Amino acid sequence: MIPAELRYTAEHEWVGDTDTASVRVGITHFAQNQLGDIVYVQLPEVGAAITAGDAIGEVESTKSVSDIFAPLAGTVTAVNTALVDAPETINESPYGDGWLFEIEPADVADVAALLDAAGYEKLTGE
């Protein structure tokens, strides 16, 4: 099930609203399923200026290591530090407690330009 309220990237990340000027970012169920059991996550630093499309972290599973790409340009405002000790949370709750980081977008309109749930479903065939 692909949550309709989120936006998505072709790199299998999701972007969701928060109650602040920032947006929350994570990897999709499809991505965590492809990766398998996640054993390590490297997240960007709070305060880092990021550019859309740049590799800004990585997720390591028992199968492979995958880059985390910035879905938007902006500034990292928070990271999910709980994942350092419990990276498997990404597998268990990719759209909830398994979120990765938050960004204050340089341009809020960039969020609307991402894929909607129907577009992401078409991309993944889910």
N, C-alpha and C. Protein backbone atom coordinates (compact mmCIF):
# COMPACT_ATOMS: atom_id res chain seq x y z
N MET A 1 0.84 -1.19 0.00
CA MET A 1 0.00 0.00 0.00
C MET A 1 0.88 1.24 0.00
N ILE A 2 0.68 2.11 -0.95
CA ILE A 2 1.45 3.34 -1.08
C ILE A 2 0.63 4.50 -0.49
N PRO A 3 1.11 5.10 0.59
CA PRO A 3 0.35 6.20 1.22
C PRO A 3 0.10 7.36 0.25
N ALA A 4 -1.16 7.73 0.10
CA ALA A 4 -1.56 8.77 -0.85
C ALA A 4 -1.12 10.17 -0.44
N GLU A 5 -0.91 10.39 0.87
CA GLU A 5 -0.60 11.75 1.33
C GLU A 5 0.88 12.12 1.14
N LEU A 6 1.70 11.17 0.71
CA LEU A 6 3.14 11.44 0.54
C LEU A 6 3.49 11.71 -0.91
N ARG A 7 4.68 12.24 -1.14
CA ARG A 7 5.24 12.41 -2.48
C ARG A 7 6.44 11.47 -2.57
N TYR A 8 6.87 11.15 -3.79
CA TYR A 8 7.87 10.11 -3.99
C TYR A 8 8.90 10.51 -5.04
N THR A 9 10.07 9.84 -4.97
CA THR A 9 11.10 10.04 -5.98
C THR A 9 11.32 8.73 -6.74
N ALA A 10 11.96 8.82 -7.89
CA ALA A 10 12.30 7.63 -8.65
C ALA A 10 13.37 6.80 -7.93
N GLU A 11 14.03 7.40 -6.95
CA GLU A 11 15.05 6.69 -6.16
C GLU A 11 14.44 6.02 -4.93
N HIS A 12 13.11 5.97 -4.87
CA HIS A 12 12.36 5.25 -3.83
C HIS A 12 12.44 5.90 -2.45
N GLU A 13 12.43 7.22 -2.44
CA GLU A 13 12.30 7.95 -1.19
C GLU A 13 10.93 8.60 -1.14
N TRP A 14 10.43 8.80 0.06
CA TRP A 14 9.16 9.50 0.22
C TRP A 14 9.41 10.81 0.95
N VAL A 15 8.51 11.76 0.71
CA VAL A 15 8.57 13.08 1.34
C VAL A 15 7.18 13.38 1.88
N GLY A 16 7.13 13.74 3.16
CA GLY A 16 5.85 14.04 3.79
C GLY A 16 5.89 15.33 4.58
N ASP A 17 4.73 15.96 4.69
CA ASP A 17 4.61 17.20 5.45
C ASP A 17 4.80 16.94 6.94
N THR A 18 5.32 17.96 7.61
CA THR A 18 5.35 17.98 9.07
C THR A 18 4.55 19.21 9.48
N ASP A 19 4.45 19.47 10.73
CA ASP A 19 3.72 20.66 11.19
C ASP A 19 4.64 21.88 11.25
N THR A 20 5.80 21.76 10.61
CA THR A 20 6.77 22.86 10.61
C THR A 20 7.09 23.23 9.17
N ALA A 21 8.12 24.04 8.98
CA ALA A 21 8.53 24.42 7.62
C ALA A 21 9.31 23.30 6.95
N SER A 22 9.62 22.25 7.69
CA SER A 22 10.40 21.13 7.15
C SER A 22 9.49 20.03 6.61
N VAL A 23 10.08 19.17 5.79
CA VAL A 23 9.41 17.95 5.33
C VAL A 23 10.21 16.76 5.82
N ARG A 24 9.53 15.66 6.04
CA ARG A 24 10.17 14.44 6.54
C ARG A 24 10.46 13.53 5.35
N VAL A 25 11.59 12.83 5.41
CA VAL A 25 12.04 11.97 4.30
C VAL A 25 12.34 10.57 4.83
N GLY A 26 11.98 9.57 4.03
CA GLY A 26 12.31 8.19 4.35
C GLY A 26 12.43 7.39 3.07
N ILE A 27 12.69 6.10 3.21
CA ILE A 27 12.68 5.24 2.03
C ILE A 27 11.36 4.47 2.02
N THR A 28 10.93 4.09 0.84
CA THR A 28 9.63 3.47 0.68
C THR A 28 9.64 1.99 1.10
N HIS A 29 8.45 1.46 1.26
CA HIS A 29 8.30 0.03 1.53
C HIS A 29 8.96 -0.78 0.42
N PHE A 30 8.76 -0.36 -0.82
CA PHE A 30 9.37 -1.05 -1.97
C PHE A 30 10.88 -1.12 -1.79
N ALA A 31 11.51 0.01 -1.44
CA ALA A 31 12.97 0.07 -1.29
C ALA A 31 13.44 -0.82 -0.15
N GLN A 32 12.80 -0.73 1.01
CA GLN A 32 13.26 -1.55 2.14
C GLN A 32 13.06 -3.03 1.85
N ASN A 33 12.02 -3.36 1.11
CA ASN A 33 11.76 -4.75 0.74
C ASN A 33 12.84 -5.27 -0.20
N GLN A 34 13.27 -4.44 -1.15
CA GLN A 34 14.34 -4.81 -2.07
C GLN A 34 15.68 -4.96 -1.34
N LEU A 35 15.91 -4.10 -0.36
CA LEU A 35 17.17 -4.14 0.38
C LEU A 35 17.28 -5.36 1.30
N GLY A 36 16.19 -5.77 1.88
CA GLY A 36 16.24 -6.83 2.88
C GLY A 36 16.51 -6.24 4.25
N ASP A 37 17.04 -7.05 5.15
CA ASP A 37 17.24 -6.62 6.54
C ASP A 37 18.28 -5.51 6.63
N ILE A 38 17.85 -4.34 7.08
CA ILE A 38 18.74 -3.18 7.19
C ILE A 38 19.51 -3.27 8.50
N VAL A 39 20.85 -3.14 8.39
CA VAL A 39 21.71 -3.31 9.56
C VAL A 39 22.49 -2.05 9.93
N TYR A 40 22.48 -1.05 9.05
CA TYR A 40 23.25 0.18 9.32
C TYR A 40 22.68 1.30 8.48
N VAL A 41 22.67 2.50 9.03
CA VAL A 41 22.25 3.68 8.27
C VAL A 41 23.20 4.83 8.59
N GLN A 42 23.60 5.55 7.55
CA GLN A 42 24.41 6.76 7.70
C GLN A 42 23.55 7.92 7.23
N LEU A 43 23.33 8.89 8.11
CA LEU A 43 22.44 10.01 7.81
C LEU A 43 23.23 11.30 7.65
N PRO A 44 22.66 12.29 6.96
CA PRO A 44 23.35 13.57 6.82
C PRO A 44 23.40 14.32 8.15
N GLU A 45 24.25 15.31 8.23
CA GLU A 45 24.38 16.12 9.45
C GLU A 45 23.30 17.19 9.51
N VAL A 46 22.77 17.44 10.69
CA VAL A 46 21.84 18.55 10.88
C VAL A 46 22.57 19.84 10.53
N GLY A 47 21.91 20.69 9.75
CA GLY A 47 22.51 21.95 9.32
C GLY A 47 23.16 21.87 7.96
N ALA A 48 23.31 20.66 7.42
CA ALA A 48 23.94 20.49 6.11
C ALA A 48 23.05 21.07 5.01
N ALA A 49 23.67 21.83 4.11
CA ALA A 49 22.96 22.31 2.91
C ALA A 49 23.08 21.20 1.87
N ILE A 50 21.95 20.78 1.32
CA ILE A 50 21.96 19.68 0.37
C ILE A 50 21.35 20.10 -0.96
N THR A 51 21.77 19.41 -2.00
CA THR A 51 21.30 19.67 -3.36
C THR A 51 20.51 18.46 -3.83
N ALA A 52 19.38 18.68 -4.46
CA ALA A 52 18.55 17.59 -4.96
C ALA A 52 19.38 16.66 -5.84
N GLY A 53 19.24 15.36 -5.59
CA GLY A 53 19.94 14.36 -6.38
C GLY A 53 21.28 13.93 -5.83
N ASP A 54 21.83 14.68 -4.87
CA ASP A 54 23.12 14.32 -4.29
C ASP A 54 22.98 13.14 -3.33
N ALA A 55 23.98 12.27 -3.31
CA ALA A 55 24.03 11.20 -2.31
C ALA A 55 24.40 11.84 -0.97
N ILE A 56 23.55 11.67 0.03
CA ILE A 56 23.78 12.34 1.32
C ILE A 56 23.82 11.37 2.50
N GLY A 57 23.77 10.09 2.22
CA GLY A 57 23.83 9.08 3.26
C GLY A 57 23.76 7.72 2.61
N GLU A 58 23.66 6.68 3.45
CA GLU A 58 23.53 5.34 2.89
C GLU A 58 22.81 4.42 3.85
N VAL A 59 22.24 3.38 3.25
CA VAL A 59 21.56 2.34 4.00
C VAL A 59 22.25 1.03 3.63
N GLU A 60 22.66 0.29 4.66
CA GLU A 60 23.33 -0.98 4.43
C GLU A 60 22.43 -2.10 4.92
N SER A 61 22.29 -3.11 4.07
CA SER A 61 21.48 -4.26 4.44
C SER A 61 22.34 -5.51 4.36
N THR A 62 21.75 -6.64 4.67
CA THR A 62 22.49 -7.90 4.56
C THR A 62 22.77 -8.24 3.10
N LYS A 63 22.09 -7.57 2.17
CA LYS A 63 22.27 -7.82 0.74
C LYS A 63 23.21 -6.83 0.06
N SER A 64 23.13 -5.54 0.44
CA SER A 64 23.86 -4.51 -0.31
C SER A 64 23.94 -3.20 0.48
N VAL A 65 24.65 -2.25 -0.12
CA VAL A 65 24.70 -0.88 0.40
C VAL A 65 24.09 0.02 -0.66
N SER A 66 23.17 0.88 -0.26
CA SER A 66 22.51 1.79 -1.20
C SER A 66 22.64 3.22 -0.71
N ASP A 67 22.87 4.13 -1.66
CA ASP A 67 22.92 5.54 -1.32
C ASP A 67 21.53 6.07 -1.01
N ILE A 68 21.49 7.07 -0.14
CA ILE A 68 20.29 7.85 0.10
C ILE A 68 20.49 9.16 -0.65
N PHE A 69 19.56 9.50 -1.52
CA PHE A 69 19.68 10.72 -2.32
C PHE A 69 18.78 11.81 -1.78
N ALA A 70 19.25 13.04 -1.86
CA ALA A 70 18.44 14.19 -1.43
C ALA A 70 17.29 14.36 -2.41
N PRO A 71 16.04 14.28 -1.95
CA PRO A 71 14.91 14.45 -2.85
C PRO A 71 14.68 15.90 -3.23
N LEU A 72 15.21 16.82 -2.43
CA LEU A 72 15.00 18.26 -2.62
C LEU A 72 16.26 19.01 -2.20
N ALA A 73 16.41 20.21 -2.71
CA ALA A 73 17.45 21.10 -2.21
C ALA A 73 16.95 21.75 -0.93
N GLY A 74 17.85 22.00 0.00
CA GLY A 74 17.45 22.65 1.24
C GLY A 74 18.47 22.41 2.33
N THR A 75 18.00 22.52 3.57
CA THR A 75 18.86 22.36 4.74
C THR A 75 18.30 21.25 5.63
N VAL A 76 19.16 20.35 6.06
CA VAL A 76 18.76 19.28 6.96
C VAL A 76 18.47 19.89 8.34
N THR A 77 17.25 19.67 8.84
CA THR A 77 16.85 20.26 10.12
C THR A 77 16.77 19.24 11.25
N ALA A 78 16.69 17.95 10.92
CA ALA A 78 16.62 16.90 11.95
C ALA A 78 17.01 15.58 11.32
N VAL A 79 17.53 14.68 12.14
CA VAL A 79 17.79 13.30 11.72
C VAL A 79 17.19 12.37 12.76
N ASN A 80 16.84 11.19 12.33
CA ASN A 80 16.24 10.20 13.22
C ASN A 80 17.36 9.41 13.90
N THR A 81 17.85 9.94 15.01
CA THR A 81 18.99 9.33 15.71
C THR A 81 18.66 7.95 16.27
N ALA A 82 17.39 7.63 16.44
CA ALA A 82 17.00 6.31 16.94
C ALA A 82 17.44 5.20 15.98
N LEU A 83 17.65 5.54 14.70
CA LEU A 83 18.04 4.53 13.72
C LEU A 83 19.47 4.06 13.90
N VAL A 84 20.30 4.84 14.59
CA VAL A 84 21.68 4.44 14.83
C VAL A 84 21.72 3.12 15.60
N ASP A 85 20.90 3.02 16.63
CA ASP A 85 20.85 1.80 17.44
C ASP A 85 19.83 0.78 16.96
N ALA A 86 18.90 1.22 16.13
CA ALA A 86 17.83 0.32 15.68
C ALA A 86 17.51 0.54 14.20
N PRO A 87 18.49 0.29 13.29
CA PRO A 87 18.24 0.52 11.86
C PRO A 87 17.13 -0.35 11.29
N GLU A 88 16.85 -1.47 11.94
CA GLU A 88 15.79 -2.36 11.47
C GLU A 88 14.42 -1.70 11.54
N THR A 89 14.31 -0.58 12.24
CA THR A 89 13.05 0.17 12.30
C THR A 89 12.62 0.59 10.90
N ILE A 90 13.58 0.80 10.01
CA ILE A 90 13.25 1.17 8.62
C ILE A 90 12.45 0.04 7.98
N ASN A 91 12.85 -1.21 8.22
CA ASN A 91 12.10 -2.36 7.68
C ASN A 91 10.72 -2.48 8.32
N GLU A 92 10.67 -2.25 9.61
CA GLU A 92 9.43 -2.46 10.37
C GLU A 92 8.40 -1.36 10.14
N SER A 93 8.87 -0.13 9.91
CA SER A 93 7.95 1.01 9.81
C SER A 93 8.51 2.07 8.87
N PRO A 94 8.62 1.76 7.56
CA PRO A 94 9.27 2.71 6.64
C PRO A 94 8.57 4.06 6.53
N TYR A 95 7.26 4.09 6.75
CA TYR A 95 6.52 5.36 6.63
C TYR A 95 6.24 6.00 8.00
N GLY A 96 6.66 5.35 9.06
CA GLY A 96 6.41 5.86 10.41
C GLY A 96 7.71 6.12 11.14
N ASP A 97 7.99 5.27 12.16
CA ASP A 97 9.17 5.45 13.00
C ASP A 97 10.48 5.28 12.24
N GLY A 98 10.44 4.71 11.04
CA GLY A 98 11.65 4.50 10.25
C GLY A 98 12.03 5.67 9.35
N TRP A 99 11.45 6.86 9.59
CA TRP A 99 11.83 8.04 8.79
C TRP A 99 13.32 8.31 8.98
N LEU A 100 13.95 8.97 7.99
CA LEU A 100 15.39 9.18 8.02
C LEU A 100 15.81 10.56 8.52
N PHE A 101 15.29 11.61 7.86
CA PHE A 101 15.70 12.98 8.22
C PHE A 101 14.63 13.96 7.77
N GLU A 102 14.78 15.22 8.20
CA GLU A 102 13.88 16.29 7.78
C GLU A 102 14.68 17.38 7.09
N ILE A 103 14.05 17.99 6.09
CA ILE A 103 14.67 19.05 5.29
C ILE A 103 13.76 20.27 5.29
N GLU A 104 14.35 21.45 5.41
CA GLU A 104 13.62 22.67 5.12
C GLU A 104 13.92 22.97 3.66
N PRO A 105 12.93 22.78 2.76
CA PRO A 105 13.17 22.93 1.33
C PRO A 105 13.56 24.36 0.95
N ALA A 106 14.48 24.47 -0.01
CA ALA A 106 14.85 25.78 -0.54
C ALA A 106 13.65 26.39 -1.27
N ASP A 107 12.86 25.53 -1.93
CA ASP A 107 11.66 25.97 -2.65
C ASP A 107 10.55 24.96 -2.38
N VAL A 108 9.52 25.36 -1.68
CA VAL A 108 8.43 24.45 -1.30
C VAL A 108 7.74 23.87 -2.54
N ALA A 109 7.75 24.58 -3.65
CA ALA A 109 7.12 24.10 -4.88
C ALA A 109 7.78 22.81 -5.37
N ASP A 110 9.03 22.58 -4.99
CA ASP A 110 9.72 21.36 -5.41
C ASP A 110 9.04 20.11 -4.86
N VAL A 111 8.40 20.21 -3.72
CA VAL A 111 7.70 19.06 -3.13
C VAL A 111 6.57 18.63 -4.05
N ALA A 112 5.79 19.57 -4.54
CA ALA A 112 4.66 19.26 -5.42
C ALA A 112 5.11 18.67 -6.75
N ALA A 113 6.36 18.93 -7.14
CA ALA A 113 6.88 18.42 -8.41
C ALA A 113 7.27 16.94 -8.32
N LEU A 114 7.34 16.39 -7.12
CA LEU A 114 7.68 14.97 -6.96
C LEU A 114 6.50 14.10 -7.38
N LEU A 115 6.74 12.81 -7.52
CA LEU A 115 5.68 11.88 -7.92
C LEU A 115 4.59 11.78 -6.85
N ASP A 116 3.35 11.69 -7.30
CA ASP A 116 2.28 11.39 -6.35
C ASP A 116 2.19 9.86 -6.22
N ALA A 117 1.28 9.37 -5.39
CA ALA A 117 1.18 7.93 -5.14
C ALA A 117 0.91 7.16 -6.43
N ALA A 118 0.04 7.68 -7.29
CA ALA A 118 -0.27 6.99 -8.55
C ALA A 118 0.96 6.92 -9.45
N GLY A 119 1.72 7.99 -9.51
CA GLY A 119 2.94 8.01 -10.31
C GLY A 119 3.98 7.04 -9.79
N TYR A 120 4.10 6.95 -8.47
CA TYR A 120 5.06 6.02 -7.87
C TYR A 120 4.60 4.58 -8.07
N GLU A 121 3.31 4.36 -7.97
CA GLU A 121 2.76 3.02 -8.20
C GLU A 121 3.07 2.56 -9.62
N LYS A 122 2.93 3.47 -10.58
CA LYS A 122 3.24 3.15 -11.97
C LYS A 122 4.72 2.81 -12.13
N LEU A 123 5.57 3.54 -11.42
CA LEU A 123 7.02 3.32 -11.48
C LEU A 123 7.40 1.94 -10.94
N THR A 124 6.79 1.55 -9.83
CA THR A 124 7.18 0.31 -9.16
C THR A 124 6.32 -0.89 -9.55
N GLY A 125 5.17 -0.64 -10.13
CA GLY A 125 4.27 -1.73 -10.46
C GLY A 125 3.56 -2.32 -9.24
N GLU A 126 3.60 -1.59 -8.11
CA GLU A 126 2.94 -2.07 -6.88
C GLU A 126 1.47 -1.73 -6.88
